[in-house]
Amino acid sequence: MLLVNVGNTTLVDPITAVNGFYHGVAEYSVPAGHYYALGIFGNSQKPLTPTRVVVRPQFTVAGATTVAMPETAAASQVTMVTPRPATAVGTDFYLARTGTKGPLFYTEFSVNGHALWLSPDASGPSAGTLQAYANQVLASPATRPRSSPATSTRMRHRCSTSPPATMT
């Protein structure tokens, strides 16, 4: 899990901002304020297991706070639609988060050969901004002899806020 203070992104410490889940819980000790969180789920031991990212664009900590990050919330697969059949070879997803104060905080997810799923969220943050971008490398079906590679295309989609209800 990744936790970022969006009141002042200068306070982000790359070591303490990342914490693993232990028995389904990731614990932090942070001062009161506005925060942004990402829960990242996948299994590096099983290469074809989808990567799931749960995004909480903003929440407020004003004492003991619990924020749910269920993996099942990542229910929207990143896909691109083309006029002809195509298969995703690789998917990149970028989140650009600004806070009230401090530099841009940028996160990139890159997967090859398996799906990337996100938690849809129609609400935007009240402190700073959050933008999302998706890229996919798409390959056409092999219609040529095996010695000749199929064609591929890179597509990019910019969302106004992140993640949108659909990434199609």
C-alpha atoms as a PDB file:
ATOM      1  CA  MET A   1       0.000   0.000   0.000  1.00  0.00           C
ATOM      2  CA  LEU A   2       1.147   3.544  -0.745  1.00  0.00           C
ATOM      3  CA  LEU A   3       0.077   6.491   1.417  1.00  0.00           C
ATOM      4  CA  VAL A   4       0.736  10.142   0.475  1.00  0.00           C
ATOM      5  CA  ASN A   5       0.085  13.321   2.471  1.00  0.00           C
ATOM      6  CA  VAL A   6      -1.617  15.617  -0.064  1.00  0.00           C
ATOM      7  CA  GLY A   7      -1.573  18.621   2.256  1.00  0.00           C
ATOM      8  CA  ASN A   8       2.158  18.738   1.522  1.00  0.00           C
ATOM      9  CA  THR A   9       3.661  16.242  -0.922  1.00  0.00           C
ATOM     10  CA  THR A  10       7.148  17.391   0.149  1.00  0.00           C
ATOM     11  CA  LEU A  11       6.579  15.266   3.273  1.00  0.00           C
ATOM     12  CA  VAL A  12       6.458  12.033   1.224  1.00  0.00           C
ATOM     13  CA  ASP A  13       9.169   9.671   2.382  1.00  0.00           C
ATOM     14  CA  PRO A  14       9.578   6.880  -0.200  1.00  0.00           C
ATOM     15  CA  ILE A  15      10.541   4.428   2.547  1.00  0.00           C
ATOM     16  CA  THR A  16       7.675   5.021   4.974  1.00  0.00           C
ATOM     17  CA  ALA A  17       5.047   5.799   2.293  1.00  0.00           C
ATOM     18  CA  VAL A  18       5.048   2.132   1.200  1.00  0.00           C
ATOM     19  CA  ASN A  19       3.787  -0.540   3.556  1.00  0.00           C
ATOM     20  CA  GLY A  20       2.848  -4.176   2.983  1.00  0.00           C
ATOM     21  CA  PHE A  21      -0.396  -5.820   3.983  1.00  0.00           C
ATOM     22  CA  TYR A  22      -0.113  -8.280   6.880  1.00  0.00           C
ATOM     23  CA  HIS A  23      -3.219 -10.420   7.400  1.00  0.00           C
ATOM     24  CA  GLY A  24      -5.095  -7.902   5.254  1.00  0.00           C
ATOM     25  CA  VAL A  25      -3.996  -4.813   7.199  1.00  0.00           C
ATOM     26  CA  ALA A  26      -1.438  -2.094   6.441  1.00  0.00           C
ATOM     27  CA  GLU A  27      -0.814   0.217   9.397  1.00  0.00           C
ATOM     28  CA  TYR A  28       0.581   3.738   9.370  1.00  0.00           C
ATOM     29  CA  SER A  29       1.177   6.356  12.029  1.00  0.00           C
ATOM     30  CA  VAL A  30       0.634   9.762  10.428  1.00  0.00           C
ATOM     31  CA  PRO A  31      -0.323  13.276  11.497  1.00  0.00           C
ATOM     32  CA  ALA A  32      -3.837  14.612  10.885  1.00  0.00           C
ATOM     33  CA  GLY A  33      -4.457  15.789   7.333  1.00  0.00           C
ATOM     34  CA  HIS A  34      -5.606  14.863   3.837  1.00  0.00           C
ATOM     35  CA  TYR A  35      -4.192  11.682   2.295  1.00  0.00           C
ATOM     36  CA  TYR A  36      -4.196   9.723  -0.960  1.00  0.00           C
ATOM     37  CA  ALA A  37      -3.789   5.935  -0.936  1.00  0.00           C
ATOM     38  CA  LEU A  38      -3.136   3.150  -3.422  1.00  0.00           C
ATOM     39  CA  GLY A  39      -3.597  -0.534  -2.649  1.00  0.00           C
ATOM     40  CA  ILE A  40      -1.651  -2.704  -5.097  1.00  0.00           C
ATOM     41  CA  PHE A  41      -2.564  -6.379  -5.404  1.00  0.00           C
ATOM     42  CA  GLY A  42      -1.024  -9.108  -7.537  1.00  0.00           C
ATOM     43  CA  ASN A  43       1.061 -12.232  -7.341  1.00  0.00           C
ATOM     44  CA  SER A  44       4.603 -12.083  -8.714  1.00  0.00           C
ATOM     45  CA  GLN A  45       4.825 -15.877  -8.334  1.00  0.00           C
ATOM     46  CA  LYS A  46       1.974 -16.318 -10.841  1.00  0.00           C
ATOM     47  CA  PRO A  47       2.807 -14.188 -13.899  1.00  0.00           C
ATOM     48  CA  LEU A  48      -0.672 -14.319 -15.486  1.00  0.00           C
ATOM     49  CA  THR A  49      -2.458 -13.160 -12.327  1.00  0.00           C
ATOM     50  CA  PRO A  50      -4.065  -9.750 -12.972  1.00  0.00           C
ATOM     51  CA  THR A  51      -2.674  -6.710 -11.196  1.00  0.00           C
ATOM     52  CA  ARG A  52      -5.342  -4.812  -9.264  1.00  0.00           C
ATOM     53  CA  VAL A  53      -4.969  -1.235  -8.044  1.00  0.00           C
ATOM     54  CA  VAL A  54      -7.410   0.291  -5.562  1.00  0.00           C
ATOM     55  CA  VAL A  55      -7.291   4.101  -5.558  1.00  0.00           C
ATOM     56  CA  ARG A  56      -8.570   6.278  -2.723  1.00  0.00           C
ATOM     57  CA  PRO A  57      -8.230   9.794  -4.248  1.00  0.00           C
ATOM     58  CA  GLN A  58      -8.541  11.513  -0.873  1.00  0.00           C
ATOM     59  CA  PHE A  59      -9.566  10.899   2.708  1.00  0.00           C
ATOM     60  CA  THR A  60      -9.079  12.800   5.931  1.00  0.00           C
ATOM     61  CA  VAL A  61      -7.195  11.576   8.989  1.00  0.00           C
ATOM     62  CA  ALA A  62      -8.315  13.316  12.194  1.00  0.00           C
ATOM     63  CA  GLY A  63      -7.545  10.595  14.729  1.00  0.00           C
ATOM     64  CA  ALA A  64      -7.785   6.824  14.508  1.00  0.00           C
ATOM     65  CA  THR A  65      -8.911   6.222  10.913  1.00  0.00           C
ATOM     66  CA  THR A  66      -9.684   3.068   8.960  1.00  0.00           C
ATOM     67  CA  VAL A  67      -9.783   3.107   5.162  1.00  0.00           C
ATOM     68  CA  ALA A  68     -11.078   0.036   3.347  1.00  0.00           C
ATOM     69  CA  MET A  69      -8.962  -1.126   0.404  1.00  0.00           C
ATOM     70  CA  PRO A  70     -10.610  -4.364  -0.785  1.00  0.00           C
ATOM     71  CA  GLU A  71      -8.912  -5.920  -3.807  1.00  0.00           C
ATOM     72  CA  THR A  72     -12.370  -6.592  -5.265  1.00  0.00           C
ATOM     73  CA  ALA A  73     -12.930  -2.810  -5.597  1.00  0.00           C
ATOM     74  CA  ALA A  74     -10.559  -2.923  -8.598  1.00  0.00           C
ATOM     75  CA  ALA A  75     -13.386  -4.007 -10.901  1.00  0.00           C
ATOM     76  CA  SER A  76     -12.651  -2.001 -14.062  1.00  0.00           C
ATOM     77  CA  GLN A  77     -10.177  -3.522 -16.527  1.00  0.00           C
ATOM     78  CA  VAL A  78      -8.021  -1.113 -18.528  1.00  0.00           C
ATOM     79  CA  THR A  79      -8.869  -1.756 -22.189  1.00  0.00           C
ATOM     80  CA  MET A  80      -8.704   0.117 -25.484  1.00  0.00           C
ATOM     81  CA  VAL A  81     -11.227  -0.336 -28.271  1.00  0.00           C
ATOM     82  CA  THR A  82     -10.036  -0.527 -31.873  1.00  0.00           C
ATOM     83  CA  PRO A  83     -11.982  -0.907 -35.122  1.00  0.00           C
ATOM     84  CA  ARG A  84     -10.196  -4.213 -35.812  1.00  0.00           C
ATOM     85  CA  PRO A  85      -9.413  -7.109 -33.457  1.00  0.00           C
ATOM     86  CA  ALA A  86      -6.376  -6.498 -31.254  1.00  0.00           C
ATOM     87  CA  THR A  87      -4.835  -8.019 -28.162  1.00  0.00           C
ATOM     88  CA  ALA A  88      -3.175  -6.034 -25.383  1.00  0.00           C
ATOM     89  CA  VAL A  89       0.501  -6.942 -25.154  1.00  0.00           C
ATOM     90  CA  GLY A  90       1.365  -4.399 -22.481  1.00  0.00           C
ATOM     91  CA  THR A  91      -0.528  -1.875 -20.380  1.00  0.00           C
ATOM     92  CA  ASP A  92       0.795   1.225 -18.614  1.00  0.00           C
ATOM     93  CA  PHE A  93      -1.251   3.324 -16.226  1.00  0.00           C
ATOM     94  CA  TYR A  94      -0.070   6.598 -14.726  1.00  0.00           C
ATOM     95  CA  LEU A  95      -1.434   8.668 -11.860  1.00  0.00           C
ATOM     96  CA  ALA A  96      -0.295  12.271 -11.411  1.00  0.00           C
ATOM     97  CA  ARG A  97      -1.294  13.670  -7.986  1.00  0.00           C
ATOM     98  CA  THR A  98      -0.694  17.200  -6.799  1.00  0.00           C
ATOM     99  CA  GLY A  99      -1.258  18.324  -3.253  1.00  0.00           C
ATOM    100  CA  THR A 100      -2.103  21.651  -1.713  1.00  0.00           C
ATOM    101  CA  LYS A 101       1.639  22.251  -1.369  1.00  0.00           C
ATOM    102  CA  GLY A 102       4.712  20.494  -2.731  1.00  0.00           C
ATOM    103  CA  PRO A 103       5.742  18.811  -5.986  1.00  0.00           C
ATOM    104  CA  LEU A 104       3.757  16.527  -8.244  1.00  0.00           C
ATOM    105  CA  PHE A 105       3.601  12.922  -7.009  1.00  0.00           C
ATOM    106  CA  TYR A 106       3.738  10.508  -9.945  1.00  0.00           C
ATOM    107  CA  THR A 107       2.989   6.762  -9.912  1.00  0.00           C
ATOM    108  CA  GLU A 108       3.307   4.343 -12.832  1.00  0.00           C
ATOM    109  CA  PHE A 109       1.980   0.803 -13.189  1.00  0.00           C
ATOM    110  CA  SER A 110       3.253  -1.311 -16.059  1.00  0.00           C
ATOM    111  CA  VAL A 111       2.091  -4.852 -16.809  1.00  0.00           C
ATOM    112  CA  ASN A 112       2.942  -7.170 -19.685  1.00  0.00           C
ATOM    113  CA  GLY A 113       1.011 -10.246 -20.673  1.00  0.00           C
ATOM    114  CA  HIS A 114      -1.773  -9.911 -18.094  1.00  0.00           C
ATOM    115  CA  ALA A 115      -4.639  -7.597 -17.196  1.00  0.00           C
ATOM    116  CA  LEU A 116      -4.592  -4.397 -15.142  1.00  0.00           C
ATOM    117  CA  TRP A 117      -7.737  -3.632 -13.144  1.00  0.00           C
ATOM    118  CA  LEU A 118      -8.556  -0.375 -11.307  1.00  0.00           C
ATOM    119  CA  SER A 119     -11.127   0.761  -8.791  1.00  0.00           C
ATOM    120  CA  PRO A 120     -13.454   3.220 -10.531  1.00  0.00           C
ATOM    121  CA  ASP A 121     -14.031   6.475  -8.667  1.00  0.00           C
ATOM    122  CA  ALA A 122     -16.074   9.398  -9.946  1.00  0.00           C
ATOM    123  CA  SER A 123     -15.090  11.740  -7.110  1.00  0.00           C
ATOM    124  CA  GLY A 124     -12.110  13.996  -7.477  1.00  0.00           C
ATOM    125  CA  PRO A 125      -9.934  15.278  -4.649  1.00  0.00           C
ATOM    126  CA  SER A 126     -10.669  18.586  -2.913  1.00  0.00           C
ATOM    127  CA  ALA A 127      -6.972  19.144  -2.076  1.00  0.00           C
ATOM    128  CA  GLY A 128      -4.859  19.312  -5.237  1.00  0.00           C
ATOM    129  CA  THR A 129      -5.571  17.409  -8.446  1.00  0.00           C
ATOM    130  CA  LEU A 130      -5.450  13.826  -9.672  1.00  0.00           C
ATOM    131  CA  GLN A 131      -5.039  12.902 -13.338  1.00  0.00           C
ATOM    132  CA  ALA A 132      -4.875   9.484 -14.946  1.00  0.00           C
ATOM    133  CA  TYR A 133      -3.346   8.286 -18.215  1.00  0.00           C
ATOM    134  CA  ALA A 134      -3.429   4.857 -19.812  1.00  0.00           C
ATOM    135  CA  ASN A 135      -1.273   3.426 -22.608  1.00  0.00           C
ATOM    136  CA  GLN A 136      -1.558   0.055 -24.263  1.00  0.00           C
ATOM    137  CA  VAL A 137       0.521  -1.724 -26.845  1.00  0.00           C
ATOM    138  CA  LEU A 138      -1.920  -3.676 -29.004  1.00  0.00           C
ATOM    139  CA  ALA A 139      -1.057  -6.440 -31.453  1.00  0.00           C
ATOM    140  CA  SER A 140      -3.185  -7.514 -34.379  1.00  0.00           C
ATOM    141  CA  PRO A 141      -3.913 -11.206 -34.840  1.00  0.00           C
ATOM    142  CA  ALA A 142      -1.215 -13.010 -36.800  1.00  0.00           C
ATOM    143  CA  THR A 143      -2.574 -12.875 -40.338  1.00  0.00           C
ATOM    144  CA  ARG A 144       0.810 -13.236 -42.019  1.00  0.00           C
ATOM    145  CA  PRO A 145       3.144 -16.226 -42.224  1.00  0.00           C
ATOM    146  CA  ARG A 146       4.823 -17.073 -38.896  1.00  0.00           C
ATOM    147  CA  SER A 147       8.115 -15.606 -40.116  1.00  0.00           C
ATOM    148  CA  SER A 148       6.514 -12.163 -40.373  1.00  0.00           C
ATOM    149  CA  PRO A 149       5.426 -10.444 -37.148  1.00  0.00           C
ATOM    150  CA  ALA A 150       1.937  -9.082 -36.656  1.00  0.00           C
ATOM    151  CA  THR A 151       1.593  -5.330 -36.517  1.00  0.00           C
ATOM    152  CA  SER A 152       1.325  -3.451 -33.241  1.00  0.00           C
ATOM    153  CA  THR A 153      -0.071  -0.081 -32.213  1.00  0.00           C
ATOM    154  CA  ARG A 154       0.403   2.075 -29.120  1.00  0.00           C
ATOM    155  CA  MET A 155      -2.711   3.878 -27.908  1.00  0.00           C
ATOM    156  CA  ARG A 156      -2.987   6.515 -25.184  1.00  0.00           C
ATOM    157  CA  HIS A 157      -6.026   7.759 -23.291  1.00  0.00           C
ATOM    158  CA  ARG A 158      -6.136  10.726 -20.889  1.00  0.00           C
ATOM    159  CA  CYS A 159      -8.836  10.839 -18.257  1.00  0.00           C
ATOM    160  CA  SER A 160     -10.057  14.072 -16.700  1.00  0.00           C
ATOM    161  CA  THR A 161     -10.081  12.592 -13.196  1.00  0.00           C
ATOM    162  CA  SER A 162      -9.009   9.210 -12.029  1.00  0.00           C
ATOM    163  CA  PRO A 163      -9.842   6.465 -12.290  1.00  0.00           C
ATOM    164  CA  PRO A 164     -12.969   6.940 -14.383  1.00  0.00           C
ATOM    165  CA  ALA A 165     -15.976   4.678 -14.115  1.00  0.00           C
ATOM    166  CA  THR A 166     -14.745   2.949 -17.276  1.00  0.00           C
ATOM    167  CA  MET A 167     -11.335   2.890 -18.928  1.00  0.00           C
ATOM    168  CA  THR A 168     -12.566   1.547 -22.267  1.00  0.00           C
END
